[in-house]
Amino acid sequence: MSICKYCKHVSEDGTRFCKVCGKALDVFPDTPEPQSPQPAPSSYQNAQSFAPDTESKTPEPKPLQNTPNTFPMNDKDRQAYAEKLQNPGMPDNDGICVLALIFGMISIVFNPFLLNSVLALILGIVGHACGGPKKDIAKVGWILGLITMIIYIVIRVIFAVLAFSLIWWIIQLFF
């Protein structure tokens, strides 16, 4: 197995080019060693004996195949990527995990009717439960959603108590 130094994709032995980014791999096990230069022909030797050697040509590169647009960088992601290649029918939950994080971050700034917090909480729990390489991102998303939900509820309760206290004080003044 050889690893591409540009995108860290794991390729099979004997592969000359990375299937993901198309760059040439460093290890070429099936490439013949370069031949040493031949001595210059002397005047009495046949000129045809020094024709270029057509058998030592390197094979043509294999065409790129359709592969997913992923670039695994660490061992955990590389293992999940290899499992995904072995089981192509597995659902891809990475999008759910990323959406949970996005809704969790948005809920910090903009959270009408706690909608973003609820979405971050639901998507984060689903993404984390389904597993995959991005389940930690889903965990951060649902934790952010839960924290912002608690903060917004506490702030709204405080404002409601203050508003009712003000109304009660005004009623007490006039009656």
N, C-alpha and C. Protein backbone atom coordinates (compact mmCIF):
# COMPACT_ATOMS: atom_id res chain seq x y z
N MET A 1 0.84 -1.16 0.00
CA MET A 1 0.00 0.00 0.00
C MET A 1 0.89 1.24 0.00
N SER A 2 0.54 2.19 -0.83
CA SER A 2 1.28 3.44 -0.85
C SER A 2 0.32 4.59 -0.57
N ILE A 3 0.85 5.63 0.09
CA ILE A 3 0.04 6.77 0.51
C ILE A 3 0.47 7.99 -0.28
N CYS A 4 -0.52 8.68 -0.84
CA CYS A 4 -0.24 9.89 -1.62
C CYS A 4 0.23 10.98 -0.66
N LYS A 5 1.34 11.65 -1.01
CA LYS A 5 1.87 12.68 -0.12
C LYS A 5 1.10 14.00 -0.24
N TYR A 6 0.21 14.11 -1.22
CA TYR A 6 -0.57 15.33 -1.38
C TYR A 6 -1.91 15.27 -0.67
N CYS A 7 -2.67 14.17 -0.86
CA CYS A 7 -4.03 14.09 -0.28
C CYS A 7 -4.16 12.98 0.75
N LYS A 8 -3.09 12.21 1.00
CA LYS A 8 -3.06 11.14 2.00
C LYS A 8 -4.00 9.97 1.68
N HIS A 9 -4.36 9.79 0.40
CA HIS A 9 -5.22 8.67 -0.01
C HIS A 9 -4.38 7.40 -0.06
N VAL A 10 -4.93 6.31 0.44
CA VAL A 10 -4.24 5.02 0.44
C VAL A 10 -4.53 4.32 -0.88
N SER A 11 -3.49 3.98 -1.62
CA SER A 11 -3.64 3.32 -2.92
C SER A 11 -3.10 1.90 -2.84
N GLU A 12 -3.55 1.07 -3.77
CA GLU A 12 -3.10 -0.31 -3.83
C GLU A 12 -1.66 -0.37 -4.32
N ASP A 13 -1.02 -1.51 -4.05
CA ASP A 13 0.34 -1.71 -4.54
C ASP A 13 0.32 -1.74 -6.06
N GLY A 14 1.32 -1.18 -6.66
CA GLY A 14 1.44 -1.17 -8.11
C GLY A 14 0.74 0.00 -8.77
N THR A 15 0.08 0.84 -8.01
CA THR A 15 -0.59 2.01 -8.58
C THR A 15 0.42 3.13 -8.71
N ARG A 16 0.46 3.73 -9.89
CA ARG A 16 1.44 4.78 -10.15
C ARG A 16 0.90 6.17 -9.87
N PHE A 17 -0.43 6.33 -9.94
CA PHE A 17 -1.03 7.64 -9.75
C PHE A 17 -2.15 7.54 -8.73
N CYS A 18 -2.34 8.59 -7.95
CA CYS A 18 -3.39 8.63 -6.93
C CYS A 18 -4.75 8.69 -7.62
N LYS A 19 -5.71 7.88 -7.14
CA LYS A 19 -7.04 7.85 -7.73
C LYS A 19 -7.85 9.08 -7.37
N VAL A 20 -7.50 9.79 -6.30
CA VAL A 20 -8.28 10.94 -5.86
C VAL A 20 -7.78 12.23 -6.50
N CYS A 21 -6.47 12.52 -6.35
CA CYS A 21 -5.97 13.80 -6.86
C CYS A 21 -5.22 13.67 -8.18
N GLY A 22 -4.84 12.46 -8.59
CA GLY A 22 -4.19 12.25 -9.88
C GLY A 22 -2.69 12.50 -9.88
N LYS A 23 -2.11 12.83 -8.74
CA LYS A 23 -0.66 13.08 -8.66
C LYS A 23 0.09 11.77 -8.70
N ALA A 24 1.33 11.82 -9.17
CA ALA A 24 2.16 10.63 -9.24
C ALA A 24 2.60 10.22 -7.84
N LEU A 25 2.57 8.93 -7.57
CA LEU A 25 3.00 8.41 -6.28
C LEU A 25 4.51 8.23 -6.29
N ASP A 26 5.13 8.29 -5.12
CA ASP A 26 6.59 8.19 -5.02
C ASP A 26 7.11 6.79 -5.29
N VAL A 27 6.37 5.77 -4.88
CA VAL A 27 6.85 4.39 -4.97
C VAL A 27 6.32 3.76 -6.25
N PHE A 28 7.24 3.25 -7.06
CA PHE A 28 6.88 2.56 -8.31
C PHE A 28 7.51 1.19 -8.29
N PRO A 29 6.86 0.20 -7.65
CA PRO A 29 7.49 -1.12 -7.53
C PRO A 29 7.64 -1.84 -8.85
N ASP A 30 6.79 -1.57 -9.83
CA ASP A 30 6.88 -2.32 -11.08
C ASP A 30 7.68 -1.57 -12.15
N THR A 31 8.27 -0.43 -11.82
CA THR A 31 9.05 0.34 -12.79
C THR A 31 10.46 -0.24 -12.87
N PRO A 32 10.94 -0.51 -14.07
CA PRO A 32 12.29 -1.05 -14.19
C PRO A 32 13.33 0.01 -13.82
N GLU A 33 14.46 -0.45 -13.35
CA GLU A 33 15.55 0.46 -13.01
C GLU A 33 16.07 1.13 -14.28
N PRO A 34 16.47 2.41 -14.20
CA PRO A 34 17.01 3.05 -15.41
C PRO A 34 18.32 2.39 -15.83
N GLN A 35 18.45 2.27 -17.14
CA GLN A 35 19.65 1.60 -17.67
C GLN A 35 20.79 2.60 -17.75
N SER A 36 21.99 2.08 -17.57
CA SER A 36 23.16 2.94 -17.68
C SER A 36 23.37 3.30 -19.15
N PRO A 37 23.94 4.47 -19.39
CA PRO A 37 24.15 4.86 -20.80
C PRO A 37 25.10 3.89 -21.51
N GLN A 38 24.79 3.66 -22.78
CA GLN A 38 25.61 2.75 -23.58
C GLN A 38 26.81 3.51 -24.14
N PRO A 39 27.90 2.81 -24.36
CA PRO A 39 29.08 3.49 -24.92
C PRO A 39 28.83 3.93 -26.37
N ALA A 40 29.52 4.93 -26.78
CA ALA A 40 29.38 5.44 -28.14
C ALA A 40 29.82 4.36 -29.13
N PRO A 41 29.10 4.24 -30.26
CA PRO A 41 29.47 3.19 -31.22
C PRO A 41 30.82 3.48 -31.89
N SER A 42 31.54 2.44 -32.09
CA SER A 42 32.79 2.60 -32.83
C SER A 42 32.49 2.48 -34.32
N SER A 43 33.39 2.83 -35.12
CA SER A 43 33.17 2.90 -36.57
C SER A 43 32.92 1.52 -37.18
N TYR A 44 33.42 0.44 -36.60
CA TYR A 44 33.25 -0.87 -37.21
C TYR A 44 31.99 -1.59 -36.73
N GLN A 45 31.23 -1.03 -35.73
CA GLN A 45 30.02 -1.70 -35.26
C GLN A 45 28.82 -1.28 -36.10
N ASN A 46 27.82 -2.12 -36.09
CA ASN A 46 26.61 -1.88 -36.87
C ASN A 46 25.79 -0.80 -36.17
N ALA A 47 25.32 0.18 -36.89
CA ALA A 47 24.55 1.29 -36.33
C ALA A 47 23.18 0.81 -35.85
N GLN A 48 22.63 -0.27 -36.44
CA GLN A 48 21.31 -0.75 -36.03
C GLN A 48 21.32 -1.36 -34.63
N SER A 49 22.46 -1.81 -34.16
CA SER A 49 22.51 -2.41 -32.85
C SER A 49 22.30 -1.38 -31.73
N PHE A 50 22.38 -0.11 -32.08
CA PHE A 50 22.21 0.95 -31.09
C PHE A 50 20.86 1.65 -31.23
N ALA A 51 19.87 0.97 -31.79
CA ALA A 51 18.52 1.54 -31.90
C ALA A 51 17.92 1.67 -30.50
N PRO A 52 17.02 2.60 -30.31
CA PRO A 52 16.43 2.78 -28.97
C PRO A 52 15.70 1.52 -28.51
N ASP A 53 15.81 1.25 -27.26
CA ASP A 53 15.19 0.08 -26.66
C ASP A 53 13.73 0.37 -26.38
N THR A 54 12.82 -0.32 -27.07
CA THR A 54 11.39 -0.06 -26.90
C THR A 54 10.79 -0.85 -25.76
N GLU A 55 11.48 -1.87 -25.26
CA GLU A 55 10.94 -2.69 -24.19
C GLU A 55 11.08 -2.04 -22.82
N SER A 56 11.98 -1.06 -22.66
CA SER A 56 12.18 -0.46 -21.34
C SER A 56 11.27 0.75 -21.10
N LYS A 57 10.27 0.96 -21.97
CA LYS A 57 9.35 2.07 -21.77
C LYS A 57 8.51 1.82 -20.53
N THR A 58 8.17 2.89 -19.82
CA THR A 58 7.30 2.76 -18.65
C THR A 58 5.86 2.64 -19.13
N PRO A 59 5.05 1.88 -18.44
CA PRO A 59 3.66 1.71 -18.88
C PRO A 59 2.88 3.02 -18.76
N GLU A 60 1.85 3.14 -19.57
CA GLU A 60 0.99 4.33 -19.55
C GLU A 60 0.24 4.40 -18.23
N PRO A 61 0.00 5.60 -17.72
CA PRO A 61 -0.75 5.70 -16.46
C PRO A 61 -2.19 5.25 -16.63
N LYS A 62 -2.73 4.67 -15.56
CA LYS A 62 -4.12 4.24 -15.59
C LYS A 62 -5.03 5.46 -15.53
N PRO A 63 -6.17 5.41 -16.21
CA PRO A 63 -7.08 6.56 -16.14
C PRO A 63 -7.68 6.68 -14.75
N LEU A 64 -8.02 7.94 -14.39
CA LEU A 64 -8.63 8.19 -13.09
C LEU A 64 -10.02 7.57 -13.04
N GLN A 65 -10.37 6.99 -11.91
CA GLN A 65 -11.68 6.41 -11.72
C GLN A 65 -12.54 7.37 -10.92
N ASN A 66 -13.84 7.17 -11.00
CA ASN A 66 -14.74 8.00 -10.21
C ASN A 66 -14.62 7.60 -8.75
N THR A 67 -14.13 8.49 -7.92
CA THR A 67 -14.00 8.24 -6.50
C THR A 67 -14.66 9.38 -5.74
N PRO A 68 -15.08 9.14 -4.51
CA PRO A 68 -15.70 10.21 -3.73
C PRO A 68 -14.71 11.34 -3.47
N ASN A 69 -15.24 12.52 -3.22
CA ASN A 69 -14.41 13.70 -2.99
C ASN A 69 -14.02 13.80 -1.52
N THR A 70 -13.28 12.82 -1.01
CA THR A 70 -12.86 12.87 0.38
C THR A 70 -11.34 12.81 0.43
N PHE A 71 -10.77 13.46 1.42
CA PHE A 71 -9.34 13.47 1.59
C PHE A 71 -9.02 13.09 3.03
N PRO A 72 -9.00 11.78 3.36
CA PRO A 72 -8.72 11.40 4.74
C PRO A 72 -7.31 11.78 5.13
N MET A 73 -7.15 12.31 6.33
CA MET A 73 -5.85 12.81 6.75
C MET A 73 -5.23 12.03 7.90
N ASN A 74 -6.03 11.39 8.74
CA ASN A 74 -5.45 10.65 9.87
C ASN A 74 -5.87 9.19 9.79
N ASP A 75 -5.33 8.40 10.70
CA ASP A 75 -5.57 6.95 10.67
C ASP A 75 -7.05 6.61 10.85
N LYS A 76 -7.73 7.34 11.73
CA LYS A 76 -9.14 7.06 11.99
C LYS A 76 -9.98 7.33 10.74
N ASP A 77 -9.73 8.47 10.08
CA ASP A 77 -10.47 8.78 8.85
C ASP A 77 -10.09 7.83 7.72
N ARG A 78 -8.83 7.44 7.65
CA ARG A 78 -8.38 6.52 6.61
C ARG A 78 -9.06 5.16 6.77
N GLN A 79 -9.23 4.70 8.02
CA GLN A 79 -9.90 3.42 8.28
C GLN A 79 -11.38 3.52 7.91
N ALA A 80 -12.04 4.63 8.27
CA ALA A 80 -13.45 4.81 7.92
C ALA A 80 -13.62 4.89 6.41
N TYR A 81 -12.66 5.52 5.72
CA TYR A 81 -12.72 5.63 4.27
C TYR A 81 -12.56 4.25 3.62
N ALA A 82 -11.66 3.43 4.16
CA ALA A 82 -11.47 2.07 3.62
C ALA A 82 -12.73 1.23 3.85
N GLU A 83 -13.38 1.38 5.02
CA GLU A 83 -14.62 0.66 5.28
C GLU A 83 -15.72 1.11 4.33
N LYS A 84 -15.75 2.40 4.03
CA LYS A 84 -16.77 2.92 3.12
C LYS A 84 -16.56 2.38 1.71
N LEU A 85 -15.29 2.20 1.31
CA LEU A 85 -15.02 1.63 -0.01
C LEU A 85 -15.42 0.15 -0.06
N GLN A 86 -15.25 -0.56 1.05
CA GLN A 86 -15.61 -1.98 1.08
C GLN A 86 -17.12 -2.17 1.13
N ASN A 87 -17.85 -1.27 1.78
CA ASN A 87 -19.31 -1.36 1.90
C ASN A 87 -19.95 -0.14 1.25
N PRO A 88 -20.08 -0.14 -0.07
CA PRO A 88 -20.60 1.07 -0.74
C PRO A 88 -22.06 1.35 -0.42
N GLY A 89 -22.80 0.41 0.16
CA GLY A 89 -24.20 0.64 0.48
C GLY A 89 -24.43 1.35 1.79
N MET A 90 -23.36 1.60 2.56
CA MET A 90 -23.52 2.28 3.85
C MET A 90 -23.95 3.72 3.64
N PRO A 91 -24.89 4.22 4.46
CA PRO A 91 -25.30 5.61 4.32
C PRO A 91 -24.20 6.56 4.80
N ASP A 92 -24.13 7.71 4.18
CA ASP A 92 -23.13 8.71 4.53
C ASP A 92 -23.77 9.71 5.49
N ASN A 93 -23.35 9.69 6.75
CA ASN A 93 -23.93 10.56 7.76
C ASN A 93 -23.08 11.80 8.02
N ASP A 94 -22.05 12.02 7.22
CA ASP A 94 -21.18 13.17 7.45
C ASP A 94 -21.93 14.48 7.29
N GLY A 95 -22.86 14.54 6.34
CA GLY A 95 -23.63 15.78 6.12
C GLY A 95 -24.49 16.13 7.33
N ILE A 96 -25.07 15.13 7.97
CA ILE A 96 -25.89 15.36 9.16
C ILE A 96 -25.02 15.92 10.28
N CYS A 97 -23.83 15.37 10.44
CA CYS A 97 -22.93 15.83 11.50
C CYS A 97 -22.50 17.28 11.28
N VAL A 98 -22.18 17.61 10.04
CA VAL A 98 -21.76 18.98 9.74
C VAL A 98 -22.94 19.94 9.91
N LEU A 99 -24.14 19.54 9.49
CA LEU A 99 -25.31 20.40 9.68
C LEU A 99 -25.59 20.65 11.16
N ALA A 100 -25.38 19.65 12.00
CA ALA A 100 -25.58 19.83 13.44
C ALA A 100 -24.63 20.91 13.98
N LEU A 101 -23.39 20.87 13.54
CA LEU A 101 -22.42 21.88 13.97
C LEU A 101 -22.81 23.26 13.47
N ILE A 102 -23.24 23.34 12.21
CA ILE A 102 -23.63 24.64 11.65
C ILE A 102 -24.82 25.22 12.41
N PHE A 103 -25.86 24.42 12.64
CA PHE A 103 -27.02 24.93 13.39
C PHE A 103 -26.64 25.27 14.83
N GLY A 104 -25.72 24.53 15.43
CA GLY A 104 -25.26 24.85 16.77
C GLY A 104 -24.55 26.19 16.82
N MET A 105 -23.72 26.47 15.81
CA MET A 105 -23.02 27.77 15.78
C MET A 105 -23.97 28.91 15.47
N ILE A 106 -24.92 28.69 14.58
CA ILE A 106 -25.89 29.74 14.25
C ILE A 106 -26.77 30.04 15.45
N SER A 107 -27.10 29.02 16.25
CA SER A 107 -28.00 29.23 17.39
C SER A 107 -27.38 30.15 18.44
N ILE A 108 -26.07 30.30 18.44
CA ILE A 108 -25.42 31.22 19.38
C ILE A 108 -25.81 32.66 19.06
N VAL A 109 -25.91 32.99 17.77
CA VAL A 109 -26.17 34.36 17.35
C VAL A 109 -27.64 34.60 17.04
N PHE A 110 -28.27 33.66 16.35
CA PHE A 110 -29.63 33.85 15.85
C PHE A 110 -30.42 32.59 16.16
N ASN A 111 -31.45 32.73 17.03
CA ASN A 111 -32.16 31.55 17.48
C ASN A 111 -33.66 31.85 17.65
N PRO A 112 -34.38 32.09 16.53
CA PRO A 112 -35.80 32.42 16.67
C PRO A 112 -36.61 31.21 17.14
N PHE A 113 -37.36 31.39 18.20
CA PHE A 113 -38.21 30.34 18.77
C PHE A 113 -37.43 29.08 19.10
N LEU A 114 -36.15 29.22 19.38
CA LEU A 114 -35.24 28.10 19.71
C LEU A 114 -35.14 27.08 18.58
N LEU A 115 -35.47 27.50 17.36
CA LEU A 115 -35.48 26.58 16.22
C LEU A 115 -34.09 26.04 15.91
N ASN A 116 -33.08 26.92 15.86
CA ASN A 116 -31.73 26.46 15.54
C ASN A 116 -31.18 25.54 16.62
N SER A 117 -31.50 25.83 17.87
CA SER A 117 -31.04 24.96 18.95
C SER A 117 -31.66 23.57 18.85
N VAL A 118 -32.96 23.53 18.56
CA VAL A 118 -33.64 22.25 18.44
C VAL A 118 -33.09 21.45 17.26
N LEU A 119 -32.87 22.12 16.12
CA LEU A 119 -32.30 21.43 14.95
C LEU A 119 -30.90 20.92 15.25
N ALA A 120 -30.08 21.74 15.90
CA ALA A 120 -28.72 21.30 16.25
C ALA A 120 -28.77 20.11 17.20
N LEU A 121 -29.69 20.14 18.14
CA LEU A 121 -29.83 19.06 19.11
C LEU A 121 -30.26 17.76 18.42
N ILE A 122 -31.27 17.83 17.58
CA ILE A 122 -31.78 16.62 16.91
C ILE A 122 -30.75 16.06 15.93
N LEU A 123 -30.22 16.92 15.05
CA LEU A 123 -29.25 16.45 14.06
C LEU A 123 -27.97 15.95 14.73
N GLY A 124 -27.56 16.62 15.80
CA GLY A 124 -26.35 16.20 16.50
C GLY A 124 -26.49 14.84 17.14
N ILE A 125 -27.63 14.59 17.76
CA ILE A 125 -27.84 13.29 18.39
C ILE A 125 -27.94 12.19 17.34
N VAL A 126 -28.63 12.46 16.24
CA VAL A 126 -28.73 11.46 15.17
C VAL A 126 -27.37 11.19 14.55
N GLY A 127 -26.60 12.25 14.23
CA GLY A 127 -25.28 12.08 13.64
C GLY A 127 -24.31 11.37 14.56
N HIS A 128 -24.37 11.68 15.85
CA HIS A 128 -23.48 11.04 16.80
C HIS A 128 -23.84 9.58 17.00
N ALA A 129 -25.14 9.27 17.01
CA ALA A 129 -25.58 7.89 17.19
C ALA A 129 -25.25 7.01 15.99
N CYS A 130 -25.29 7.60 14.78
CA CYS A 130 -25.00 6.81 13.57
C CYS A 130 -23.52 6.50 13.43
N GLY A 131 -22.67 7.24 14.09
CA GLY A 131 -21.23 6.98 14.04
C GLY A 131 -20.61 7.57 12.80
N GLY A 132 -19.45 7.12 12.47
CA GLY A 132 -18.71 7.63 11.33
C GLY A 132 -17.56 8.50 11.78
N PRO A 133 -16.75 8.94 10.84
CA PRO A 133 -15.56 9.72 11.20
C PRO A 133 -15.87 11.10 11.74
N LYS A 134 -17.05 11.64 11.45
CA LYS A 134 -17.38 12.99 11.89
C LYS A 134 -18.35 13.01 13.07
N LYS A 135 -18.42 11.94 13.84
CA LYS A 135 -19.38 11.90 14.95
C LYS A 135 -18.98 12.87 16.05
N ASP A 136 -17.70 13.21 16.16
CA ASP A 136 -17.28 14.20 17.16
C ASP A 136 -17.78 15.59 16.80
N ILE A 137 -17.87 15.88 15.51
CA ILE A 137 -18.43 17.16 15.07
C ILE A 137 -19.90 17.23 15.45
N ALA A 138 -20.61 16.12 15.29
CA ALA A 138 -22.03 16.08 15.68
C ALA A 138 -22.18 16.28 17.18
N LYS A 139 -21.26 15.72 17.95
CA LYS A 139 -21.31 15.88 19.40
C LYS A 139 -21.16 17.35 19.78
N VAL A 140 -20.23 18.04 19.15
CA VAL A 140 -20.06 19.48 19.41
C VAL A 140 -21.32 20.23 19.02
N GLY A 141 -21.95 19.84 17.90
CA GLY A 141 -23.17 20.51 17.44
C GLY A 141 -24.31 20.37 18.43
N TRP A 142 -24.55 19.15 18.93
CA TRP A 142 -25.69 19.00 19.86
C TRP A 142 -25.39 19.61 21.22
N ILE A 143 -24.13 19.64 21.63
CA ILE A 143 -23.79 20.31 22.89
C ILE A 143 -23.99 21.82 22.77
N LEU A 144 -23.57 22.41 21.63
CA LEU A 144 -23.83 23.84 21.40
C LEU A 144 -25.32 24.14 21.39
N GLY A 145 -26.10 23.29 20.71
CA GLY A 145 -27.55 23.48 20.67
C GLY A 145 -28.17 23.42 22.05
N LEU A 146 -27.72 22.48 22.87
CA LEU A 146 -28.26 22.34 24.23
C LEU A 146 -27.89 23.54 25.10
N ILE A 147 -26.64 23.97 25.03
CA ILE A 147 -26.19 25.11 25.84
C ILE A 147 -26.94 26.38 25.45
N THR A 148 -27.05 26.64 24.13
CA THR A 148 -27.77 27.86 23.73
C THR A 148 -29.25 27.78 24.08
N MET A 149 -29.82 26.58 24.03
CA MET A 149 -31.23 26.42 24.41
C MET A 149 -31.42 26.76 25.88
N ILE A 150 -30.54 26.25 26.72
CA ILE A 150 -30.64 26.54 28.16
C ILE A 150 -30.44 28.03 28.43
N ILE A 151 -29.46 28.64 27.79
CA ILE A 151 -29.20 30.06 28.00
C ILE A 151 -30.39 30.90 27.56
N TYR A 152 -30.95 30.62 26.39
CA TYR A 152 -32.09 31.40 25.90
C TYR A 152 -33.32 31.20 26.80
N ILE A 153 -33.54 30.00 27.29
CA ILE A 153 -34.69 29.77 28.18
C ILE A 153 -34.50 30.54 29.49
N VAL A 154 -33.30 30.50 30.06
CA VAL A 154 -33.03 31.24 31.30
C VAL A 154 -33.21 32.74 31.09
N ILE A 155 -32.70 33.27 30.00
CA ILE A 155 -32.85 34.71 29.71
C ILE A 155 -34.32 35.07 29.55
N ARG A 156 -35.09 34.25 28.85
CA ARG A 156 -36.51 34.55 28.65
C ARG A 156 -37.29 34.46 29.96
N VAL A 157 -36.95 33.52 30.82
CA VAL A 157 -37.61 33.43 32.12
C VAL A 157 -37.29 34.65 32.97
N ILE A 158 -36.05 35.08 32.96
CA ILE A 158 -35.66 36.28 33.72
C ILE A 158 -36.42 37.50 33.22
N PHE A 159 -36.50 37.68 31.89
CA PHE A 159 -37.26 38.82 31.34
C PHE A 159 -38.74 38.71 31.68
N ALA A 160 -39.29 37.51 31.66
CA ALA A 160 -40.71 37.35 32.01
C ALA A 160 -40.95 37.69 33.47
N VAL A 161 -40.07 37.26 34.35
CA VAL A 161 -40.21 37.57 35.78
C VAL A 161 -40.08 39.07 36.00
N LEU A 162 -39.11 39.70 35.32
CA LEU A 162 -38.95 41.15 35.46
C LEU A 162 -40.17 41.90 34.92
N ALA A 163 -40.71 41.44 33.80
CA ALA A 163 -41.88 42.11 33.23
C ALA A 163 -43.10 41.97 34.13
N PHE A 164 -43.34 40.78 34.65
CA PHE A 164 -44.47 40.60 35.55
C PHE A 164 -44.28 41.34 36.87
N SER A 165 -43.04 41.43 37.35
CA SER A 165 -42.76 42.20 38.57
C SER A 165 -43.04 43.67 38.34
N LEU A 166 -42.66 44.19 37.18
CA LEU A 166 -42.92 45.59 36.84
C LEU A 166 -44.42 45.85 36.75
N ILE A 167 -45.12 44.95 36.11
CA ILE A 167 -46.58 45.11 35.99
C ILE A 167 -47.21 45.04 37.38
N TRP A 168 -46.79 44.13 38.23
CA TRP A 168 -47.34 44.01 39.59
C TRP A 168 -47.05 45.27 40.41
N TRP A 169 -45.88 45.82 40.26
CA TRP A 169 -45.50 47.06 40.98
C TRP A 169 -46.38 48.23 40.52
N ILE A 170 -46.62 48.32 39.18
CA ILE A 170 -47.47 49.39 38.66
C ILE A 170 -48.89 49.23 39.16
N ILE A 171 -49.40 48.01 39.22
CA ILE A 171 -50.75 47.77 39.72
C ILE A 171 -50.84 48.15 41.20
N GLN A 172 -49.82 47.83 41.96
CA GLN A 172 -49.81 48.16 43.39
C GLN A 172 -49.79 49.66 43.64
N LEU A 173 -49.15 50.41 42.72
CA LEU A 173 -49.10 51.87 42.87
C LEU A 173 -50.46 52.51 42.69
N PHE A 174 -51.24 52.02 41.75
CA PHE A 174 -52.51 52.68 41.45
C PHE A 174 -53.69 52.10 42.21
N PHE A 175 -53.57 50.98 42.82
CA PHE A 175 -54.73 50.40 43.52
C PHE A 175 -54.48 50.28 44.96
